[in-house]
């Protein structure tokens, strides 16, 4: 009798142990599945658009320029152009130089995302949009357009450094190679998707700048400075390291050297061409 009881107890204990082991293993399997799903979601890839050769800024894209590439979904979704949307790119201009194999983001394309609203979605991370007042002449006869690149110059009335108590006009280059986001209320997006775009004159230009540059521009206008824009080729990334403040004395002392250097440079270019 005692042996039967021991046997029954052993069977029951074994059965309970089997149930507990099964439950434990099942919970571990579920835990592993959850971790696997989370890992898959984190590193899940999608097919996005890239370029199959180096393209300069301002290139009008064609199907022969484009290719697909896998990218981590969580890193690019909503920012990069997926392969299913590739026809949206054909005939559109690039806003910056794109290198072989580089993922194409909506901010790299003139007009940006078709369904995005307003200017805010076109501003790159860590950058700001700020408008400055310009006249027609100060904006290259109003020929500066959205997605152009410009240098920003300012002319100010400062206390003279040579004559105490006197004021003098001084011109400075404030920033170089700045992206134009809008002219007046026209952005690249409104120009591209508007059925009645007619262009025209404007008296403000919106620039993409860093927060520190925004402070300088605001201050420059508050001290009654006159802002002028110098239009540049978007593929020209040359940066002038040292630019002097220009006043009457500077012009008077440097004008001959400037003209001499200019003629030498023009002559050398013509000789090369």
C-alpha atoms as a PDB file:
ATOM      1  CA  UNK A   1       0.000   0.000   0.000  1.00  0.00           C
ATOM      2  CA  UNK A   2       2.768   2.318   0.952  1.00  0.00           C
ATOM      3  CA  UNK A   3       4.514   1.603  -2.335  1.00  0.00           C
ATOM      4  CA  UNK A   4       1.372   2.548  -4.284  1.00  0.00           C
ATOM      5  CA  UNK A   5       1.135   5.837  -2.404  1.00  0.00           C
ATOM      6  CA  UNK A   6       4.772   6.602  -3.147  1.00  0.00           C
ATOM      7  CA  UNK A   7       4.219   5.764  -6.799  1.00  0.00           C
ATOM      8  CA  UNK A   8       1.109   7.949  -7.025  1.00  0.00           C
ATOM      9  CA  UNK A   9       2.917  10.849  -5.327  1.00  0.00           C
ATOM     10  CA  UNK A  10       5.859  10.454  -7.695  1.00  0.00           C
ATOM     11  CA  UNK A  11       3.570  10.500 -10.708  1.00  0.00           C
ATOM     12  CA  UNK A  12       1.743  13.586  -9.429  1.00  0.00           C
ATOM     13  CA  UNK A  13       5.001  15.366  -8.651  1.00  0.00           C
ATOM     14  CA  UNK A  14       6.355  14.469 -12.082  1.00  0.00           C
ATOM     15  CA  UNK A  15       3.169  15.679 -13.752  1.00  0.00           C
ATOM     16  CA  UNK A  16       3.277  18.989 -11.867  1.00  0.00           C
ATOM     17  CA  UNK A  17       6.957  19.378 -12.703  1.00  0.00           C
ATOM     18  CA  UNK A  18       6.206  18.721 -16.359  1.00  0.00           C
ATOM     19  CA  UNK A  19       3.441  21.352 -16.333  1.00  0.00           C
ATOM     20  CA  UNK A  20       5.691  23.897 -14.618  1.00  0.00           C
ATOM     21  CA  UNK A  21       8.566  23.143 -17.014  1.00  0.00           C
ATOM     22  CA  UNK A  22       6.239  23.485 -20.006  1.00  0.00           C
ATOM     23  CA  UNK A  23       4.901  26.776 -18.647  1.00  0.00           C
ATOM     24  CA  UNK A  24       8.431  28.044 -18.010  1.00  0.00           C
ATOM     25  CA  UNK A  25       9.652  27.078 -21.458  1.00  0.00           C
ATOM     26  CA  UNK A  26       6.565  28.600 -23.069  1.00  0.00           C
ATOM     27  CA  UNK A  27       7.136  31.890 -21.257  1.00  0.00           C
ATOM     28  CA  UNK A  28      10.789  31.846 -22.362  1.00  0.00           C
ATOM     29  CA  UNK A  29       9.769  31.173 -25.970  1.00  0.00           C
ATOM     30  CA  UNK A  30       7.271  34.065 -25.840  1.00  0.00           C
ATOM     31  CA  UNK A  31       9.936  36.286 -24.313  1.00  0.00           C
ATOM     32  CA  UNK A  32      12.363  35.377 -27.090  1.00  0.00           C
ATOM     33  CA  UNK A  33       9.677  36.008 -29.727  1.00  0.00           C
ATOM     34  CA  UNK A  34       8.990  39.456 -28.262  1.00  0.00           C
ATOM     35  CA  UNK A  35      12.689  40.282 -28.252  1.00  0.00           C
ATOM     36  CA  UNK A  36      13.011  38.991 -31.795  1.00  0.00           C
ATOM     37  CA  UNK A  37      10.052  41.109 -32.909  1.00  0.00           C
ATOM     38  CA  UNK A  38      11.503  44.185 -31.193  1.00  0.00           C
ATOM     39  CA  UNK A  39      14.895  43.568 -32.784  1.00  0.00           C
ATOM     40  CA  UNK A  40      13.311  43.003 -36.185  1.00  0.00           C
ATOM     41  CA  UNK A  41      11.316  46.192 -35.830  1.00  0.00           C
ATOM     42  CA  UNK A  42      14.439  48.132 -34.831  1.00  0.00           C
ATOM     43  CA  UNK A  43      16.504  46.843 -37.745  1.00  0.00           C
ATOM     44  CA  UNK A  44      13.723  46.275 -40.278  1.00  0.00           C
ATOM     45  CA  UNK A  45      14.721  47.569 -43.688  1.00  0.00           C
ATOM     46  CA  UNK A  46      12.794  49.182 -46.513  1.00  0.00           C
ATOM     47  CA  UNK A  47      13.739  49.924 -50.105  1.00  0.00           C
ATOM     48  CA  UNK A  48      14.481  53.609 -50.670  1.00  0.00           C
ATOM     49  CA  UNK A  49      15.832  55.626 -53.574  1.00  0.00           C
ATOM     50  CA  UNK A  50      19.475  56.420 -54.193  1.00  0.00           C
ATOM     51  CA  UNK A  51      21.555  57.722 -57.092  1.00  0.00           C
ATOM     52  CA  UNK A  52      23.769  55.468 -59.180  1.00  0.00           C
ATOM     53  CA  UNK A  53      26.381  58.183 -59.864  1.00  0.00           C
ATOM     54  CA  UNK A  54      27.578  61.470 -58.441  1.00  0.00           C
ATOM     55  CA  UNK A  55      25.120  64.273 -59.278  1.00  0.00           C
ATOM     56  CA  UNK A  56      25.733  68.009 -58.818  1.00  0.00           C
ATOM     57  CA  UNK A  57      23.204  70.302 -57.197  1.00  0.00           C
ATOM     58  CA  UNK A  58      20.505  71.427 -59.633  1.00  0.00           C
ATOM     59  CA  UNK A  59      20.473  68.158 -61.618  1.00  0.00           C
ATOM     60  CA  UNK A  60      17.107  67.357 -63.224  1.00  0.00           C
ATOM     61  CA  UNK A  61      16.608  63.702 -62.300  1.00  0.00           C
ATOM     62  CA  UNK A  62      15.769  60.986 -64.812  1.00  0.00           C
ATOM     63  CA  UNK A  63      15.122  57.274 -64.333  1.00  0.00           C
ATOM     64  CA  UNK A  64      18.694  56.499 -65.437  1.00  0.00           C
ATOM     65  CA  UNK A  65      20.020  58.441 -62.423  1.00  0.00           C
ATOM     66  CA  UNK A  66      18.045  56.419 -59.879  1.00  0.00           C
ATOM     67  CA  UNK A  67      18.389  53.080 -58.109  1.00  0.00           C
ATOM     68  CA  UNK A  68      17.017  51.327 -55.025  1.00  0.00           C
ATOM     69  CA  UNK A  69      18.865  50.509 -51.801  1.00  0.00           C
ATOM     70  CA  UNK A  70      17.926  48.918 -48.462  1.00  0.00           C
ATOM     71  CA  UNK A  71      17.914  51.220 -45.415  1.00  0.00           C
ATOM     72  CA  UNK A  72      16.879  50.837 -41.772  1.00  0.00           C
ATOM     73  CA  UNK A  73      13.177  51.713 -41.677  1.00  0.00           C
ATOM     74  CA  UNK A  74      13.207  53.434 -38.277  1.00  0.00           C
ATOM     75  CA  UNK A  75      16.009  55.758 -39.419  1.00  0.00           C
ATOM     76  CA  UNK A  76      14.622  56.900 -42.768  1.00  0.00           C
ATOM     77  CA  UNK A  77      10.853  56.362 -42.863  1.00  0.00           C
ATOM     78  CA  UNK A  78       9.046  59.579 -43.661  1.00  0.00           C
ATOM     79  CA  UNK A  79      12.316  61.315 -44.573  1.00  0.00           C
ATOM     80  CA  UNK A  80      13.679  59.208 -47.428  1.00  0.00           C
ATOM     81  CA  UNK A  81      11.889  58.581 -50.737  1.00  0.00           C
ATOM     82  CA  UNK A  82      10.759  54.963 -51.020  1.00  0.00           C
ATOM     83  CA  UNK A  83      11.130  53.041 -54.273  1.00  0.00           C
ATOM     84  CA  UNK A  84       7.348  52.929 -54.717  1.00  0.00           C
ATOM     85  CA  UNK A  85       7.458  56.734 -55.040  1.00  0.00           C
ATOM     86  CA  UNK A  86      10.309  56.830 -57.567  1.00  0.00           C
ATOM     87  CA  UNK A  87       8.249  58.445 -60.341  1.00  0.00           C
ATOM     88  CA  UNK A  88       7.785  61.499 -58.126  1.00  0.00           C
ATOM     89  CA  UNK A  89      11.511  62.156 -58.588  1.00  0.00           C
ATOM     90  CA  UNK A  90      11.606  62.146 -62.380  1.00  0.00           C
ATOM     91  CA  UNK A  91      11.906  65.691 -63.701  1.00  0.00           C
ATOM     92  CA  UNK A  92      12.623  67.189 -60.270  1.00  0.00           C
ATOM     93  CA  UNK A  93      15.807  69.094 -59.379  1.00  0.00           C
ATOM     94  CA  UNK A  94      18.269  68.247 -56.637  1.00  0.00           C
ATOM     95  CA  UNK A  95      18.965  70.952 -54.058  1.00  0.00           C
ATOM     96  CA  UNK A  96      22.439  69.707 -53.155  1.00  0.00           C
ATOM     97  CA  UNK A  97      25.191  67.474 -54.482  1.00  0.00           C
ATOM     98  CA  UNK A  98      24.292  63.776 -54.177  1.00  0.00           C
ATOM     99  CA  UNK A  99      27.021  61.142 -54.145  1.00  0.00           C
ATOM    100  CA  UNK A 100      26.883  57.606 -55.522  1.00  0.00           C
ATOM    101  CA  UNK A 101      24.849  55.316 -53.249  1.00  0.00           C
ATOM    102  CA  UNK A 102      23.554  58.149 -51.044  1.00  0.00           C
ATOM    103  CA  UNK A 103      19.936  57.859 -49.849  1.00  0.00           C
ATOM    104  CA  UNK A 104      17.687  60.564 -51.346  1.00  0.00           C
ATOM    105  CA  UNK A 105      15.692  62.519 -48.753  1.00  0.00           C
ATOM    106  CA  UNK A 106      12.743  64.767 -49.504  1.00  0.00           C
ATOM    107  CA  UNK A 107      14.841  67.760 -48.387  1.00  0.00           C
ATOM    108  CA  UNK A 108      17.299  66.965 -51.204  1.00  0.00           C
ATOM    109  CA  UNK A 109      14.618  67.554 -53.858  1.00  0.00           C
ATOM    110  CA  UNK A 110      13.276  70.882 -55.068  1.00  0.00           C
ATOM    111  CA  UNK A 111       9.778  71.366 -53.699  1.00  0.00           C
ATOM    112  CA  UNK A 112      10.247  68.743 -51.000  1.00  0.00           C
ATOM    113  CA  UNK A 113       7.512  66.288 -50.070  1.00  0.00           C
ATOM    114  CA  UNK A 114       4.363  66.845 -52.211  1.00  0.00           C
ATOM    115  CA  UNK A 115       1.940  66.277 -49.326  1.00  0.00           C
ATOM    116  CA  UNK A 116       3.876  68.302 -46.748  1.00  0.00           C
ATOM    117  CA  UNK A 117       2.315  71.601 -45.712  1.00  0.00           C
ATOM    118  CA  UNK A 118       4.040  74.889 -45.105  1.00  0.00           C
ATOM    119  CA  UNK A 119       7.706  75.769 -44.964  1.00  0.00           C
ATOM    120  CA  UNK A 120       8.551  74.134 -41.621  1.00  0.00           C
ATOM    121  CA  UNK A 121       8.823  70.630 -43.066  1.00  0.00           C
ATOM    122  CA  UNK A 122      11.495  71.816 -45.526  1.00  0.00           C
ATOM    123  CA  UNK A 123      13.867  73.098 -42.822  1.00  0.00           C
ATOM    124  CA  UNK A 124      16.712  70.712 -42.027  1.00  0.00           C
ATOM    125  CA  UNK A 125      17.282  69.505 -38.477  1.00  0.00           C
ATOM    126  CA  UNK A 126      19.222  71.951 -36.266  1.00  0.00           C
ATOM    127  CA  UNK A 127      18.609  74.779 -38.750  1.00  0.00           C
ATOM    128  CA  UNK A 128      16.210  77.736 -38.672  1.00  0.00           C
ATOM    129  CA  UNK A 129      14.344  79.829 -41.236  1.00  0.00           C
ATOM    130  CA  UNK A 130      14.556  83.589 -40.948  1.00  0.00           C
ATOM    131  CA  UNK A 131      13.430  86.345 -43.311  1.00  0.00           C
ATOM    132  CA  UNK A 132      15.404  89.473 -44.145  1.00  0.00           C
ATOM    133  CA  UNK A 133      14.269  92.612 -45.921  1.00  0.00           C
ATOM    134  CA  UNK A 134      15.809  93.138 -49.358  1.00  0.00           C
ATOM    135  CA  UNK A 135      15.201  95.484 -52.262  1.00  0.00           C
ATOM    136  CA  UNK A 136      15.178  94.404 -55.885  1.00  0.00           C
ATOM    137  CA  UNK A 137      18.794  95.466 -56.399  1.00  0.00           C
ATOM    138  CA  UNK A 138      19.876  93.828 -53.150  1.00  0.00           C
ATOM    139  CA  UNK A 139      18.433  90.503 -54.349  1.00  0.00           C
ATOM    140  CA  UNK A 140      20.177  90.578 -57.739  1.00  0.00           C
ATOM    141  CA  UNK A 141      17.280  92.381 -59.429  1.00  0.00           C
ATOM    142  CA  UNK A 142      14.828  89.952 -57.796  1.00  0.00           C
ATOM    143  CA  UNK A 143      16.433  87.052 -59.661  1.00  0.00           C
ATOM    144  CA  UNK A 144      17.293  85.195 -56.449  1.00  0.00           C
ATOM    145  CA  UNK A 145      14.896  82.242 -56.246  1.00  0.00           C
ATOM    146  CA  UNK A 146      14.069  79.473 -53.737  1.00  0.00           C
ATOM    147  CA  UNK A 147      16.827  76.828 -53.529  1.00  0.00           C
ATOM    148  CA  UNK A 148      19.470  79.304 -54.744  1.00  0.00           C
ATOM    149  CA  UNK A 149      22.651  79.764 -52.724  1.00  0.00           C
ATOM    150  CA  UNK A 150      23.802  83.239 -51.746  1.00  0.00           C
ATOM    151  CA  UNK A 151      26.366  85.154 -49.725  1.00  0.00           C
ATOM    152  CA  UNK A 152      24.879  87.649 -47.265  1.00  0.00           C
ATOM    153  CA  UNK A 153      26.490  91.086 -47.051  1.00  0.00           C
ATOM    154  CA  UNK A 154      25.612  93.901 -44.699  1.00  0.00           C
ATOM    155  CA  UNK A 155      26.309  97.627 -44.865  1.00  0.00           C
ATOM    156  CA  UNK A 156      26.260  99.465 -41.522  1.00  0.00           C
ATOM    157  CA  UNK A 157      27.017 102.863 -40.037  1.00  0.00           C
ATOM    158  CA  UNK A 158      29.692 102.375 -37.381  1.00  0.00           C
ATOM    159  CA  UNK A 159      31.778 104.764 -35.298  1.00  0.00           C
ATOM    160  CA  UNK A 160      34.949 105.576 -37.236  1.00  0.00           C
ATOM    161  CA  UNK A 161      38.069 103.678 -36.173  1.00  0.00           C
ATOM    162  CA  UNK A 162      40.319 106.515 -37.334  1.00  0.00           C
ATOM    163  CA  UNK A 163      38.414 109.740 -36.580  1.00  0.00           C
ATOM    164  CA  UNK A 164      37.009 110.038 -33.076  1.00  0.00           C
ATOM    165  CA  UNK A 165      33.363 111.129 -32.941  1.00  0.00           C
ATOM    166  CA  UNK A 166      32.777 110.500 -36.651  1.00  0.00           C
ATOM    167  CA  UNK A 167      30.597 107.787 -38.246  1.00  0.00           C
ATOM    168  CA  UNK A 168      31.514 105.754 -41.303  1.00  0.00           C
ATOM    169  CA  UNK A 169      29.862 103.267 -43.638  1.00  0.00           C
ATOM    170  CA  UNK A 170      31.263  99.746 -43.446  1.00  0.00           C
ATOM    171  CA  UNK A 171      30.358  96.702 -45.559  1.00  0.00           C
ATOM    172  CA  UNK A 172      30.947  93.177 -44.240  1.00  0.00           C
ATOM    173  CA  UNK A 173      30.293  89.689 -45.567  1.00  0.00           C
ATOM    174  CA  UNK A 174      28.162  88.169 -42.799  1.00  0.00           C
ATOM    175  CA  UNK A 175      27.643  84.642 -44.183  1.00  0.00           C
ATOM    176  CA  UNK A 176      28.678  82.600 -47.199  1.00  0.00           C
ATOM    177  CA  UNK A 177      26.874  79.853 -49.124  1.00  0.00           C
ATOM    178  CA  UNK A 178      23.422  80.205 -47.547  1.00  0.00           C
ATOM    179  CA  UNK A 179      20.370  78.321 -48.869  1.00  0.00           C
ATOM    180  CA  UNK A 180      17.347  80.418 -49.893  1.00  0.00           C
ATOM    181  CA  UNK A 181      14.122  78.786 -48.663  1.00  0.00           C
ATOM    182  CA  UNK A 182      11.649  81.354 -49.966  1.00  0.00           C
ATOM    183  CA  UNK A 183      11.336  84.669 -51.781  1.00  0.00           C
ATOM    184  CA  UNK A 184       8.353  86.577 -50.465  1.00  0.00           C
ATOM    185  CA  UNK A 185       5.731  83.859 -49.928  1.00  0.00           C
ATOM    186  CA  UNK A 186       6.991  81.672 -52.757  1.00  0.00           C
ATOM    187  CA  UNK A 187       8.836  78.482 -51.822  1.00  0.00           C
ATOM    188  CA  UNK A 188      10.228  75.821 -54.137  1.00  0.00           C
ATOM    189  CA  UNK A 189       7.184  73.725 -53.260  1.00  0.00           C
ATOM    190  CA  UNK A 190       4.594  76.370 -54.126  1.00  0.00           C
ATOM    191  CA  UNK A 191       6.377  77.127 -57.388  1.00  0.00           C
ATOM    192  CA  UNK A 192       6.480  73.459 -58.337  1.00  0.00           C
ATOM    193  CA  UNK A 193       2.930  72.478 -57.440  1.00  0.00           C
ATOM    194  CA  UNK A 194       1.036  75.732 -58.053  1.00  0.00           C
ATOM    195  CA  UNK A 195      -1.072  75.883 -61.221  1.00  0.00           C
ATOM    196  CA  UNK A 196      -0.967  79.670 -61.357  1.00  0.00           C
ATOM    197  CA  UNK A 197       2.615  80.465 -60.353  1.00  0.00           C
ATOM    198  CA  UNK A 198       3.668  83.733 -61.944  1.00  0.00           C
ATOM    199  CA  UNK A 199       6.756  84.779 -59.969  1.00  0.00           C
ATOM    200  CA  UNK A 200       7.272  88.505 -59.540  1.00  0.00           C
ATOM    201  CA  UNK A 201       8.875  91.010 -57.198  1.00  0.00           C
ATOM    202  CA  UNK A 202       9.308  90.499 -53.470  1.00  0.00           C
ATOM    203  CA  UNK A 203      10.781  92.455 -50.575  1.00  0.00           C
ATOM    204  CA  UNK A 204      11.770  89.625 -48.216  1.00  0.00           C
ATOM    205  CA  UNK A 205      13.961  86.561 -48.613  1.00  0.00           C
ATOM    206  CA  UNK A 206      13.847  83.621 -46.204  1.00  0.00           C
ATOM    207  CA  UNK A 207      17.184  81.952 -45.486  1.00  0.00           C
ATOM    208  CA  UNK A 208      18.121  78.654 -43.836  1.00  0.00           C
ATOM    209  CA  UNK A 209      20.601  79.457 -41.065  1.00  0.00           C
ATOM    210  CA  UNK A 210      21.895  78.169 -37.745  1.00  0.00           C
ATOM    211  CA  UNK A 211      20.475  79.662 -34.514  1.00  0.00           C
ATOM    212  CA  UNK A 212      23.646  81.742 -34.032  1.00  0.00           C
ATOM    213  CA  UNK A 213      23.487  83.064 -37.579  1.00  0.00           C
ATOM    214  CA  UNK A 214      19.828  83.957 -37.020  1.00  0.00           C
ATOM    215  CA  UNK A 215      20.847  86.120 -34.066  1.00  0.00           C
ATOM    216  CA  UNK A 216      23.397  87.971 -36.191  1.00  0.00           C
ATOM    217  CA  UNK A 217      20.880  88.657 -38.950  1.00  0.00           C
ATOM    218  CA  UNK A 218      18.266  89.960 -36.531  1.00  0.00           C
ATOM    219  CA  UNK A 219      20.817  92.237 -34.876  1.00  0.00           C
ATOM    220  CA  UNK A 220      22.078  93.456 -38.258  1.00  0.00           C
ATOM    221  CA  UNK A 221      18.590  94.610 -39.214  1.00  0.00           C
ATOM    222  CA  UNK A 222      17.897  96.145 -35.818  1.00  0.00           C
ATOM    223  CA  UNK A 223      20.879  98.473 -36.154  1.00  0.00           C
ATOM    224  CA  UNK A 224      19.456  99.663 -39.470  1.00  0.00           C
ATOM    225  CA  UNK A 225      21.867  97.689 -41.579  1.00  0.00           C
ATOM    226  CA  UNK A 226      21.222  97.186 -45.285  1.00  0.00           C
ATOM    227  CA  UNK A 227      21.303  93.534 -46.284  1.00  0.00           C
ATOM    228  CA  UNK A 228      22.430  92.543 -49.785  1.00  0.00           C
ATOM    229  CA  UNK A 229      22.616  89.105 -51.389  1.00  0.00           C
ATOM    230  CA  UNK A 230      25.322  87.904 -53.763  1.00  0.00           C
ATOM    231  CA  UNK A 231      24.064  85.031 -55.926  1.00  0.00           C
ATOM    232  CA  UNK A 232      26.436  82.092 -56.369  1.00  0.00           C
ATOM    233  CA  UNK A 233      26.549  78.865 -58.348  1.00  0.00           C
ATOM    234  CA  UNK A 234      25.086  76.088 -56.148  1.00  0.00           C
ATOM    235  CA  UNK A 235      27.985  73.792 -57.090  1.00  0.00           C
ATOM    236  CA  UNK A 236      30.558  76.352 -55.961  1.00  0.00           C
ATOM    237  CA  UNK A 237      31.445  75.503 -52.368  1.00  0.00           C
ATOM    238  CA  UNK A 238      34.488  77.795 -52.231  1.00  0.00           C
ATOM    239  CA  UNK A 239      34.755  79.652 -48.936  1.00  0.00           C
ATOM    240  CA  UNK A 240      36.706  82.879 -48.573  1.00  0.00           C
ATOM    241  CA  UNK A 241      38.512  82.513 -45.251  1.00  0.00           C
ATOM    242  CA  UNK A 242      39.508  86.133 -44.646  1.00  0.00           C
ATOM    243  CA  UNK A 243      37.269  88.938 -45.864  1.00  0.00           C
ATOM    244  CA  UNK A 244      38.036  92.489 -44.631  1.00  0.00           C
ATOM    245  CA  UNK A 245      35.612  95.199 -43.570  1.00  0.00           C
ATOM    246  CA  UNK A 246      35.270  97.600 -46.451  1.00  0.00           C
ATOM    247  CA  UNK A 247      35.101 101.362 -45.954  1.00  0.00           C
ATOM    248  CA  UNK A 248      36.139 104.330 -48.102  1.00  0.00           C
ATOM    249  CA  UNK A 249      39.787 104.059 -47.090  1.00  0.00           C
ATOM    250  CA  UNK A 250      39.819 100.352 -47.949  1.00  0.00           C
ATOM    251  CA  UNK A 251      38.382 100.991 -51.402  1.00  0.00           C
ATOM    252  CA  UNK A 252      40.801 103.847 -52.026  1.00  0.00           C
ATOM    253  CA  UNK A 253      43.851 101.805 -51.020  1.00  0.00           C
ATOM    254  CA  UNK A 254      42.851  98.485 -52.587  1.00  0.00           C
ATOM    255  CA  UNK A 255      41.037  99.387 -55.796  1.00  0.00           C
ATOM    256  CA  UNK A 256      44.121  99.210 -58.028  1.00  0.00           C
ATOM    257  CA  UNK A 257      45.172  95.822 -56.642  1.00  0.00           C
ATOM    258  CA  UNK A 258      41.640  94.489 -56.952  1.00  0.00           C
ATOM    259  CA  UNK A 259      41.391  95.483 -60.581  1.00  0.00           C
ATOM    260  CA  UNK A 260      44.863  94.145 -61.361  1.00  0.00           C
ATOM    261  CA  UNK A 261      44.059  90.767 -59.769  1.00  0.00           C
ATOM    262  CA  UNK A 262      40.719  90.664 -61.529  1.00  0.00           C
ATOM    263  CA  UNK A 263      42.296  91.222 -64.931  1.00  0.00           C
ATOM    264  CA  UNK A 264      44.916  88.537 -64.253  1.00  0.00           C
ATOM    265  CA  UNK A 265      42.242  86.024 -63.246  1.00  0.00           C
ATOM    266  CA  UNK A 266      40.008  86.834 -66.220  1.00  0.00           C
ATOM    267  CA  UNK A 267      42.962  86.629 -68.602  1.00  0.00           C
ATOM    268  CA  UNK A 268      44.062  83.262 -67.189  1.00  0.00           C
ATOM    269  CA  UNK A 269      40.519  81.878 -67.498  1.00  0.00           C
ATOM    270  CA  UNK A 270      40.239  83.043 -71.099  1.00  0.00           C
ATOM    271  CA  UNK A 271      43.646  81.517 -71.883  1.00  0.00           C
ATOM    272  CA  UNK A 272      42.569  78.176 -70.392  1.00  0.00           C
ATOM    273  CA  UNK A 273      39.269  78.251 -72.277  1.00  0.00           C
END
